[in-house]
Amino acid sequence: MLKQITKDVWIHNSEFLESKSIIIQGRDGVLLIDPGITSSELANLADDLHELSQPVVAGFSTHPDWDHVLWHAKFGNVPRYGTASGAAVIKDFLSNPDWKTKLTDFLPPEHANEIPLNNLFGQITGLPAETTHIPWDGPKVKIIEHKGHAEGHAALFIEERGVLVAGDMLSDILIPFPNLEAANPIKDYLAGLELLEGVANNVKVFIPGHGSLGNEDELRARIKLDRTYVKSLRNGDGSDDPRLTEGPNKEWLPGVYKWQVHQLKKSSTRHPESI
């Protein structure tokens, strides 16, 4: 079911980790951001849009993780954009003939058979690197690209509505997931948070990829929380982040934190400048 959060902007909530699909109304239809995640949820989303007489005119993937590059035939054959580097990552991944097998280990077991890994998966067109806004006939959507969570990750700022689409950052149910394969994962994540903080004064509501929406005050609070967490990873001195001990994912997130610290220690041994 769609939920309108402000003029021209709706969200659709998935069962998996409270994943958010974002819908923005344009003149002739909608821009669909990160639709997910099961075939039935995607079909229901398409049906909801049909009932509102809102065709999809364009799509956007905030980054190349599997749950952000999904699509359904009911959305139509329309341009599906992403950043140039994000599109390059998923294109390279799909060039491997065994990509479905490789992806299986990353899918949630309870939903694995319901996730559409078909010919529409990951078909993203990279926008030129100098592109500042999504090219479509609707409210201006500014692209805020950084490498904090993934190569080619982009937050989106709907300037006329004061809505920040954060991608896979600023969650209240998940800890930060820096891109630990990057050369400078902690610096990259902190730089991404700084970019999000740079638009905070103009944000009325922000939408994380997973978890609860919030206002400007909550945005600043989550930036502070994420910044503290990421610095604890860098220092390896433990974390009192409430997401590790409270909320729906407290059973497995502490293990992720320990793994992240371990990976960073290995990286810093090989490359002292990397964090």
Protein backbone atom coordinates (compact mmCIF):
# COMPACT_ATOMS: atom_id res chain seq x y z
CA MET A 1 0.00 0.00 0.00
CA LEU A 2 1.26 3.45 -0.88
CA LYS A 3 1.64 6.09 1.80
CA GLN A 4 1.84 9.76 0.86
CA ILE A 5 4.38 11.65 2.96
CA THR A 6 4.17 15.08 1.32
CA LYS A 7 3.01 16.66 -1.90
CA ASP A 8 4.08 14.56 -4.91
CA VAL A 9 5.94 11.97 -2.80
CA TRP A 10 4.81 8.48 -1.71
CA ILE A 11 6.55 5.46 -0.22
CA HIS A 12 5.90 1.73 -0.36
CA ASN A 13 7.17 -0.42 2.52
CA SER A 14 8.56 -3.92 1.99
CA GLU A 15 8.55 -6.68 4.59
CA PHE A 16 12.29 -7.20 4.15
CA LEU A 17 14.16 -4.90 6.56
CA GLU A 18 11.49 -2.21 6.12
CA SER A 19 12.82 -1.52 2.63
CA LYS A 20 11.47 1.67 1.08
CA SER A 21 10.35 2.21 -2.50
CA ILE A 22 9.93 5.91 -3.27
CA ILE A 23 7.49 7.37 -5.78
CA ILE A 24 7.62 10.97 -7.01
CA GLN A 25 4.81 12.51 -9.03
CA GLY A 26 5.73 14.27 -12.26
CA ARG A 27 3.66 15.88 -14.99
CA ASP A 28 2.99 12.71 -16.99
CA GLY A 29 3.71 9.97 -14.47
CA VAL A 30 6.02 8.98 -11.64
CA LEU A 31 9.70 8.50 -10.96
CA LEU A 32 10.20 5.17 -9.17
CA ILE A 33 13.22 4.86 -6.88
CA ASP A 34 14.57 1.55 -5.54
CA PRO A 35 11.46 -0.61 -5.98
CA GLY A 36 11.50 -3.85 -4.03
CA ILE A 37 11.77 -6.51 -3.16
CA THR A 38 9.68 -9.62 -3.92
CA SER A 39 7.82 -10.26 -7.16
CA SER A 40 4.48 -9.99 -5.37
CA GLU A 41 5.43 -6.69 -3.69
CA LEU A 42 6.60 -5.25 -7.00
CA ALA A 43 3.41 -6.37 -8.72
CA ASN A 44 1.30 -4.88 -5.93
CA LEU A 45 3.18 -1.61 -6.23
CA ALA A 46 2.52 -1.57 -9.97
CA ASP A 47 -1.17 -2.28 -9.36
CA ASP A 48 -1.40 0.54 -6.80
CA LEU A 49 0.10 2.97 -9.30
CA HIS A 50 -2.29 1.74 -11.99
CA GLU A 51 -5.26 2.35 -9.71
CA LEU A 52 -4.02 5.92 -9.25
CA SER A 53 -3.63 6.25 -13.04
CA GLN A 54 0.07 6.94 -12.55
CA PRO A 55 2.34 5.30 -15.15
CA VAL A 56 6.02 4.95 -14.37
CA VAL A 57 8.01 7.26 -16.65
CA ALA A 58 11.49 6.69 -15.19
CA GLY A 59 13.34 4.76 -12.52
CA PHE A 60 16.43 5.38 -10.40
CA SER A 61 18.65 3.05 -8.37
CA THR A 62 20.48 4.74 -5.53
CA HIS A 63 23.26 2.14 -5.68
CA PRO A 64 24.12 -1.26 -7.20
CA ASP A 65 23.22 -3.55 -4.25
CA TRP A 66 20.87 -6.35 -5.34
CA ASP A 67 17.81 -4.99 -3.48
CA HIS A 68 18.10 -1.61 -5.22
CA VAL A 69 18.28 -2.75 -8.85
CA LEU A 70 15.02 -4.73 -9.07
CA TRP A 71 12.22 -4.15 -11.56
CA HIS A 72 8.90 -5.58 -12.74
CA ALA A 73 7.52 -5.80 -16.27
CA LYS A 74 4.37 -4.01 -15.11
CA PHE A 75 6.42 -0.85 -14.55
CA GLY A 76 7.08 -0.70 -18.26
CA ASN A 77 10.11 -0.28 -20.48
CA VAL A 78 11.26 3.14 -19.29
CA PRO A 79 14.68 4.68 -18.58
CA ARG A 80 16.20 3.32 -15.36
CA TYR A 81 18.98 5.57 -14.18
CA GLY A 82 21.82 5.39 -11.72
CA THR A 83 25.17 7.07 -11.30
CA ALA A 84 27.80 6.25 -13.91
CA SER A 85 29.98 4.36 -11.44
CA GLY A 86 27.02 2.57 -9.86
CA ALA A 87 25.78 1.40 -13.27
CA ALA A 88 29.30 0.24 -14.16
CA VAL A 89 29.47 -1.89 -11.01
CA ILE A 90 26.22 -3.75 -11.70
CA LYS A 91 27.07 -4.12 -15.40
CA ASP A 92 30.40 -5.72 -14.48
CA PHE A 93 28.66 -8.03 -12.02
CA LEU A 94 26.10 -9.15 -14.60
CA SER A 95 28.84 -9.86 -17.15
CA ASN A 96 29.76 -12.94 -15.11
CA PRO A 97 27.76 -15.91 -16.42
CA ASP A 98 27.47 -17.24 -12.85
CA TRP A 99 26.08 -14.02 -11.37
CA LYS A 100 22.88 -15.64 -10.12
CA THR A 101 24.84 -18.30 -8.26
CA LYS A 102 27.15 -15.70 -6.74
CA LEU A 103 24.19 -13.60 -5.63
CA THR A 104 22.38 -16.46 -3.91
CA ASP A 105 24.58 -16.27 -0.80
CA PHE A 106 23.53 -12.65 -0.24
CA LEU A 107 19.77 -13.12 -0.52
CA PRO A 108 17.60 -13.44 2.60
CA PRO A 109 16.64 -17.15 2.78
CA GLU A 110 13.03 -16.37 3.66
CA HIS A 111 12.59 -14.37 0.45
CA ALA A 112 15.18 -15.89 -1.90
CA ASN A 113 12.67 -17.72 -4.09
CA GLU A 114 10.50 -14.62 -4.42
CA ILE A 115 13.14 -12.18 -5.66
CA PRO A 116 12.99 -11.64 -9.44
CA LEU A 117 16.46 -12.35 -10.83
CA ASN A 118 15.37 -12.09 -14.44
CA ASN A 119 16.37 -10.13 -17.53
CA LEU A 120 15.15 -6.88 -15.91
CA PHE A 121 17.49 -7.19 -12.95
CA GLY A 122 20.20 -4.52 -12.84
CA GLN A 123 19.43 -2.94 -16.21
CA ILE A 124 20.61 0.50 -15.16
CA THR A 125 21.71 3.33 -17.43
CA GLY A 126 24.52 5.38 -15.94
CA LEU A 127 24.07 9.13 -16.09
CA PRO A 128 27.09 11.18 -17.18
CA ALA A 129 29.35 11.96 -14.24
CA GLU A 130 28.63 15.68 -14.45
CA THR A 131 24.86 15.16 -14.12
CA THR A 132 23.50 17.06 -11.11
CA HIS A 133 19.78 16.24 -11.39
CA ILE A 134 17.72 13.30 -12.65
CA PRO A 135 16.55 14.04 -16.21
CA TRP A 136 12.77 13.85 -16.05
CA ASP A 137 9.68 16.06 -16.21
CA GLY A 138 8.89 16.46 -12.52
CA PRO A 139 10.14 18.11 -9.35
CA LYS A 140 13.88 18.71 -9.42
CA VAL A 141 15.74 15.76 -7.90
CA LYS A 142 19.34 16.57 -7.01
CA ILE A 143 21.89 13.74 -7.10
CA ILE A 144 24.26 13.66 -4.12
CA GLU A 145 26.85 11.05 -5.05
CA HIS A 146 29.41 9.61 -2.64
CA LYS A 147 31.19 6.32 -1.93
CA GLY A 148 30.23 5.84 1.71
CA HIS A 149 28.07 2.73 1.47
CA ALA A 150 28.87 1.55 -2.04
CA GLU A 151 30.64 2.64 -5.18
CA GLY A 152 28.34 5.02 -7.03
CA HIS A 153 25.95 5.45 -4.10
CA ALA A 154 23.63 8.44 -4.45
CA ALA A 155 21.33 10.19 -2.06
CA LEU A 156 18.58 12.21 -3.75
CA PHE A 157 17.22 15.55 -2.63
CA ILE A 158 13.79 16.60 -3.90
CA GLU A 159 14.48 20.26 -3.54
CA GLU A 160 10.96 21.65 -4.04
CA ARG A 161 9.53 19.30 -1.40
CA GLY A 162 12.36 19.24 1.14
CA VAL A 163 12.61 15.44 0.92
CA LEU A 164 15.93 13.61 1.24
CA VAL A 165 16.13 10.04 -0.07
CA ALA A 166 19.15 8.71 1.82
CA GLY A 167 19.76 5.38 0.10
CA ASP A 168 21.29 2.84 2.46
CA MET A 169 22.28 5.33 5.13
CA LEU A 170 20.66 6.94 8.19
CA SER A 171 18.70 3.84 9.21
CA ASP A 172 17.28 3.46 12.70
CA ILE A 173 17.17 -0.36 12.43
CA LEU A 174 20.56 -1.05 10.78
CA ILE A 175 24.08 0.03 11.65
CA PRO A 176 26.17 1.74 8.96
CA PHE A 177 27.65 -0.59 6.35
CA PRO A 178 30.76 1.11 4.95
CA ASN A 179 32.13 -0.25 1.70
CA LEU A 180 34.93 -2.31 3.19
CA GLU A 181 36.30 -3.16 -0.25
CA ALA A 182 37.12 0.50 -0.86
CA ALA A 183 40.57 1.98 -0.36
CA ASN A 184 39.35 4.39 2.36
CA PRO A 185 36.06 3.04 3.76
CA ILE A 186 35.85 5.13 6.92
CA LYS A 187 36.88 8.38 5.24
CA ASP A 188 34.40 7.68 2.45
CA TYR A 189 31.55 7.11 4.89
CA LEU A 190 32.30 10.21 6.93
CA ALA A 191 32.49 12.23 3.70
CA GLY A 192 29.07 10.88 2.69
CA LEU A 193 27.58 11.90 6.03
CA GLU A 194 29.05 15.36 5.61
CA LEU A 195 27.34 15.73 2.24
CA LEU A 196 23.99 14.74 3.75
CA GLU A 197 24.54 17.17 6.60
CA GLY A 198 25.13 19.86 3.99
CA VAL A 199 21.46 19.83 2.93
CA ALA A 200 19.98 19.26 6.41
CA ASN A 201 18.82 22.87 6.81
CA ASN A 202 16.44 22.40 3.89
CA VAL A 203 15.13 18.93 4.77
CA LYS A 204 11.57 18.52 6.01
CA VAL A 205 11.57 14.73 5.88
CA PHE A 206 14.20 12.11 5.05
CA ILE A 207 13.68 8.55 3.85
CA PRO A 208 16.28 5.87 4.61
CA GLY A 209 16.48 2.78 2.45
CA HIS A 210 15.55 0.71 5.50
CA GLY A 211 13.72 1.86 8.61
CA SER A 212 11.76 4.87 9.78
CA LEU A 213 11.38 8.29 8.22
CA GLY A 214 12.29 11.40 10.17
CA ASN A 215 12.34 15.20 10.22
CA GLU A 216 15.31 17.58 10.24
CA ASP A 217 16.05 17.08 13.94
CA GLU A 218 15.97 13.31 13.55
CA LEU A 219 18.17 13.60 10.46
CA ARG A 220 20.84 15.41 12.45
CA ALA A 221 20.52 12.88 15.27
CA ARG A 222 21.04 9.95 12.92
CA ILE A 223 23.98 11.62 11.24
CA LYS A 224 25.55 12.03 14.67
CA LEU A 225 24.77 8.42 15.58
CA ASP A 226 26.20 7.07 12.33
CA ARG A 227 29.29 9.24 12.63
CA THR A 228 29.93 7.97 16.16
CA TYR A 229 29.46 4.38 15.05
CA VAL A 230 31.81 4.66 12.08
CA LYS A 231 34.50 6.24 14.26
CA SER A 232 34.12 3.35 16.71
CA LEU A 233 34.87 1.00 13.83
CA ARG A 234 37.98 2.94 13.00
CA ASN A 235 39.15 2.89 16.62
CA GLY A 236 38.07 -0.71 17.28
CA ASP A 237 37.27 0.14 20.90
CA GLY A 238 33.70 -1.12 21.01
CA SER A 239 30.38 0.58 20.38
CA ASP A 240 27.37 1.40 22.54
CA ASP A 241 25.19 2.05 19.50
CA PRO A 242 21.58 1.30 20.51
CA ARG A 243 20.91 -0.49 17.21
CA LEU A 244 23.22 -3.26 18.43
CA THR A 245 21.18 -3.94 21.55
CA GLU A 246 17.67 -2.74 20.74
CA GLY A 247 15.26 -3.05 17.87
CA PRO A 248 14.38 -5.81 15.41
CA ASN A 249 17.90 -6.80 14.35
CA LYS A 250 19.73 -6.92 17.69
CA GLU A 251 20.29 -10.68 17.39
CA TRP A 252 22.61 -10.48 14.40
CA LEU A 253 23.95 -6.93 14.16
CA PRO A 254 26.58 -7.38 16.94
CA GLY A 255 28.14 -10.11 14.82
CA VAL A 256 28.26 -7.73 11.86
CA TYR A 257 29.99 -5.12 14.01
CA LYS A 258 32.67 -7.61 15.07
CA TRP A 259 33.17 -8.68 11.47
CA GLN A 260 33.50 -5.06 10.33
CA VAL A 261 36.15 -4.34 12.98
CA HIS A 262 38.04 -7.48 11.97
CA GLN A 263 37.96 -6.56 8.28
CA LEU A 264 39.17 -3.04 8.98
CA LYS A 265 42.05 -4.33 11.08
CA LYS A 266 43.12 -6.60 8.24
CA SER A 267 42.89 -3.70 5.81
CA SER A 268 44.84 -1.32 8.02
CA THR A 269 47.63 -3.86 8.43
CA ARG A 270 48.08 -4.01 4.67
CA HIS A 271 47.33 -0.34 4.00
CA PRO A 272 47.82 1.91 7.08
CA GLU A 273 46.47 4.91 5.17
CA SER A 274 43.21 3.15 4.22
CA ILE A 275 41.09 4.21 7.19
